[in-house]
Amino acid sequence: MENMRENRRVQRVNLLSSGWLYHNDIKYSCRLENISRSGALVRLKSAPTDQFFSGDKCTLTLYQPDQEPQYHEIGVQIVRAESNVAALEFTESETESHDRIINLIQKEIHFLDGGQKLINLGRDFANLKGIGLTVASFDKGELNPEREMHTLRLSAGEHSINVYMHRDEIEEYFVRSDSKHTRAKIYHAIERLTEI
């Protein structure tokens, strides 16, 4: 039983993405809460979920920021709906749909792991400067199609500094840790923290 829970936890990824759920020819704005290979959990902005029933077929369209924004359409069915949250199961079995889902999950893992690597970089630079960070955290920002920014928060005692970064910078740092621009941004933030 513990192994099943563990496997499920590993497969489910919190994914920052907005989109639409098409149900009975009505388009509902939603935000993806998490995703796995078999399904997703979405939060609907305003939807009469009392009219959603288990087994209802829908289409989920997700907006995914990239160098060129992408929209992914995926066939789903409702597993359960309560309040403004709907649990969905993917119904499309084509390789292309499966590959899109795996790609979304992989990009988010790169994004989250990139955030963790940035936290570690901040700690390393702080240690070089002889600063003990009391807080080093990474906060996912709100999704905005024009400008998606996230925050690396570094604190020493009562003083804090925020470093704002675009998803592309974070993913690039995950793939290429030698990104000079990103390293310089974090280093200068630590220098400013020492001057406060």
Protein backbone atom coordinates (compact mmCIF):
# COMPACT_ATOMS: atom_id res chain seq x y z
CA MET A 1 0.00 0.00 0.00
CA GLU A 2 2.82 2.44 0.89
CA ASN A 3 4.53 1.71 -2.46
CA MET A 4 1.34 2.52 -4.36
CA ARG A 5 1.07 5.85 -2.54
CA GLU A 6 4.75 6.54 -3.21
CA ASN A 7 4.43 5.77 -6.95
CA ARG A 8 1.35 7.95 -7.23
CA ARG A 9 3.13 10.84 -5.50
CA VAL A 10 6.10 10.60 -7.85
CA GLN A 11 3.93 10.56 -10.98
CA ARG A 12 1.73 13.52 -10.03
CA VAL A 13 3.28 16.90 -10.81
CA ASN A 14 2.05 20.36 -9.82
CA LEU A 15 1.88 22.22 -13.11
CA LEU A 16 1.31 25.93 -13.55
CA SER A 17 -0.94 26.25 -16.58
CA SER A 18 -4.21 27.92 -17.47
CA GLY A 19 -6.73 26.82 -20.03
CA TRP A 20 -10.30 25.86 -20.76
CA LEU A 21 -12.53 22.90 -20.10
CA TYR A 22 -15.18 22.35 -22.79
CA HIS A 23 -18.19 20.57 -21.28
CA ASN A 24 -21.50 20.18 -23.12
CA ASP A 25 -20.48 22.88 -25.64
CA ILE A 26 -19.73 25.38 -22.86
CA LYS A 27 -16.23 26.78 -22.37
CA TYR A 28 -15.06 27.14 -18.73
CA SER A 29 -11.87 28.94 -17.80
CA CYS A 30 -9.67 26.81 -15.53
CA ARG A 31 -6.27 26.46 -13.95
CA LEU A 32 -4.42 23.18 -13.85
CA GLU A 33 -3.57 22.14 -10.29
CA ASN A 34 -1.64 18.97 -11.09
CA ILE A 35 -1.16 16.39 -13.80
CA SER A 36 -0.06 12.77 -14.12
CA ARG A 37 0.21 10.33 -17.01
CA SER A 38 -3.41 9.27 -16.49
CA GLY A 39 -5.25 12.42 -15.51
CA ALA A 40 -5.36 15.94 -14.14
CA LEU A 41 -6.97 18.09 -11.47
CA VAL A 42 -8.33 21.47 -12.55
CA ARG A 43 -9.72 24.42 -10.63
CA LEU A 44 -12.59 26.07 -12.50
CA LYS A 45 -12.96 29.83 -12.18
CA SER A 46 -16.75 29.75 -12.35
CA ALA A 47 -18.55 26.58 -13.20
CA PRO A 48 -21.69 24.83 -12.03
CA THR A 49 -19.87 21.64 -11.05
CA ASP A 50 -23.19 20.26 -9.78
CA GLN A 51 -23.95 19.80 -13.52
CA PHE A 52 -20.76 17.77 -14.05
CA PHE A 53 -21.21 14.03 -13.72
CA SER A 54 -18.75 11.16 -13.54
CA GLY A 55 -18.13 9.84 -17.05
CA ASP A 56 -19.01 13.10 -18.86
CA LYS A 57 -16.73 13.53 -21.89
CA CYS A 58 -14.92 16.88 -22.20
CA THR A 59 -11.98 18.50 -23.92
CA LEU A 60 -9.23 20.13 -21.89
CA THR A 61 -7.23 22.85 -23.63
CA LEU A 62 -4.09 23.92 -21.79
CA TYR A 63 -1.99 27.00 -22.40
CA GLN A 64 1.71 26.30 -21.96
CA PRO A 65 4.18 29.19 -22.15
CA ASP A 66 7.21 28.60 -24.30
CA GLN A 67 9.28 30.60 -26.73
CA GLU A 68 6.09 30.44 -28.76
CA PRO A 69 2.97 29.85 -26.60
CA GLN A 70 1.39 26.47 -27.20
CA TYR A 71 -2.13 25.17 -26.73
CA HIS A 72 -2.64 21.47 -26.03
CA GLU A 73 -6.05 19.85 -26.58
CA ILE A 74 -6.61 16.63 -24.68
CA GLY A 75 -9.70 14.42 -24.53
CA VAL A 76 -10.83 13.80 -20.93
CA GLN A 77 -13.71 12.50 -18.89
CA ILE A 78 -14.86 13.66 -15.49
CA VAL A 79 -14.03 11.34 -12.61
CA ARG A 80 -15.48 13.59 -9.90
CA ALA A 81 -16.37 17.25 -9.41
CA GLU A 82 -17.00 19.16 -6.21
CA SER A 83 -17.01 22.82 -5.34
CA ASN A 84 -14.96 24.38 -8.19
CA VAL A 85 -12.53 21.46 -8.65
CA ALA A 86 -12.79 18.67 -11.21
CA ALA A 87 -10.73 15.48 -11.35
CA LEU A 88 -10.23 14.39 -14.96
CA GLU A 89 -9.03 11.19 -16.62
CA PHE A 90 -7.39 11.30 -20.04
CA THR A 91 -9.39 9.39 -22.64
CA GLU A 92 -7.15 9.85 -25.68
CA SER A 93 -4.78 6.97 -26.17
CA GLU A 94 -3.04 8.15 -29.33
CA THR A 95 0.73 8.39 -29.11
CA GLU A 96 0.65 12.09 -29.97
CA SER A 97 -1.62 12.96 -27.02
CA HIS A 98 0.42 10.79 -24.68
CA ASP A 99 3.62 12.47 -25.86
CA ARG A 100 2.10 15.94 -25.26
CA ILE A 101 1.20 14.98 -21.68
CA ILE A 102 4.66 13.54 -21.00
CA ASN A 103 6.23 16.67 -22.50
CA LEU A 104 4.15 18.91 -20.21
CA ILE A 105 5.16 16.88 -17.16
CA GLN A 106 8.84 16.83 -18.18
CA LYS A 107 8.94 20.61 -18.73
CA GLU A 108 7.43 21.20 -15.29
CA ILE A 109 9.93 18.86 -13.63
CA HIS A 110 12.75 20.82 -15.34
CA PHE A 111 11.17 24.06 -14.13
CA LEU A 112 10.80 22.90 -10.50
CA ASP A 113 14.27 21.30 -10.43
CA GLY A 114 15.66 24.50 -11.93
CA GLY A 115 14.09 26.43 -9.05
CA GLN A 116 15.77 24.11 -6.55
CA LYS A 117 19.13 24.52 -8.30
CA LEU A 118 18.73 28.31 -8.06
CA ILE A 119 18.09 28.03 -4.31
CA ASN A 120 21.29 25.98 -3.99
CA LEU A 121 23.21 28.53 -6.07
CA GLY A 122 21.99 31.34 -3.81
CA ARG A 123 23.11 29.40 -0.73
CA ASP A 124 26.53 28.71 -2.30
CA PHE A 125 27.11 32.38 -3.15
CA ALA A 126 25.94 33.42 0.33
CA ASN A 127 28.39 30.97 1.93
CA LEU A 128 31.22 32.43 -0.18
CA LYS A 129 30.33 35.87 1.19
CA GLY A 130 30.07 34.56 4.76
CA ILE A 131 26.32 35.09 4.98
CA GLY A 132 24.01 32.59 6.61
CA LEU A 133 20.72 32.65 4.72
CA THR A 134 17.71 32.24 6.98
CA VAL A 135 15.38 31.79 4.00
CA ALA A 136 16.03 30.65 0.45
CA SER A 137 12.81 29.81 -1.37
CA PHE A 138 11.36 29.68 -4.83
CA ASP A 139 7.80 30.85 -5.48
CA LYS A 140 5.95 30.09 -8.67
CA GLY A 141 4.27 33.22 -9.95
CA GLU A 142 0.88 33.65 -11.51
CA LEU A 143 0.62 32.58 -15.10
CA ASN A 144 0.44 35.48 -17.52
CA PRO A 145 0.66 34.76 -21.25
CA GLU A 146 2.63 37.97 -21.90
CA ARG A 147 5.00 37.84 -18.95
CA GLU A 148 5.44 34.89 -16.61
CA MET A 149 7.73 35.79 -13.71
CA HIS A 150 8.76 33.73 -10.69
CA THR A 151 10.55 34.74 -7.51
CA LEU A 152 13.72 33.51 -5.83
CA ARG A 153 13.54 34.92 -2.27
CA LEU A 154 16.78 35.20 -0.28
CA SER A 155 16.81 36.38 3.34
CA ALA A 156 19.51 36.94 5.94
CA GLY A 157 18.15 37.99 9.33
CA GLU A 158 15.63 40.79 8.85
CA HIS A 159 16.74 41.62 5.31
CA SER A 160 15.39 40.05 2.14
CA ILE A 161 15.89 40.41 -1.55
CA ASN A 162 13.79 39.02 -4.40
CA VAL A 163 15.18 37.93 -7.74
CA TYR A 164 12.55 37.80 -10.49
CA MET A 165 13.08 35.32 -13.27
CA HIS A 166 11.24 34.18 -16.36
CA ARG A 167 10.45 30.50 -16.87
CA ASP A 168 12.90 30.34 -19.80
CA GLU A 169 15.80 31.47 -17.56
CA ILE A 170 14.92 28.86 -14.94
CA GLU A 171 14.61 26.00 -17.44
CA GLU A 172 17.84 27.08 -19.16
CA TYR A 173 19.68 27.08 -15.83
CA PHE A 174 18.38 23.57 -15.11
CA VAL A 175 19.74 22.33 -18.45
CA ARG A 176 22.92 24.45 -18.50
CA SER A 177 24.18 25.34 -15.02
CA ASP A 178 26.90 27.50 -16.59
CA SER A 179 24.39 30.17 -17.69
CA LYS A 180 26.47 33.30 -16.94
CA HIS A 181 23.51 35.67 -17.03
CA THR A 182 21.57 33.71 -14.40
CA ARG A 183 24.61 33.16 -12.17
CA ALA A 184 25.45 36.89 -12.33
CA LYS A 185 21.87 37.80 -11.41
CA ILE A 186 21.96 35.64 -8.27
CA TYR A 187 25.50 36.77 -7.35
CA HIS A 188 24.52 40.47 -7.58
CA ALA A 189 21.45 39.78 -5.44
CA ILE A 190 23.67 38.28 -2.73
CA GLU A 191 26.02 41.27 -2.99
CA ARG A 192 23.08 43.65 -2.52
CA LEU A 193 21.97 41.61 0.47
CA THR A 194 25.37 42.09 2.10
CA GLU A 195 25.11 45.86 1.58
CA ILE A 196 21.71 46.27 3.25
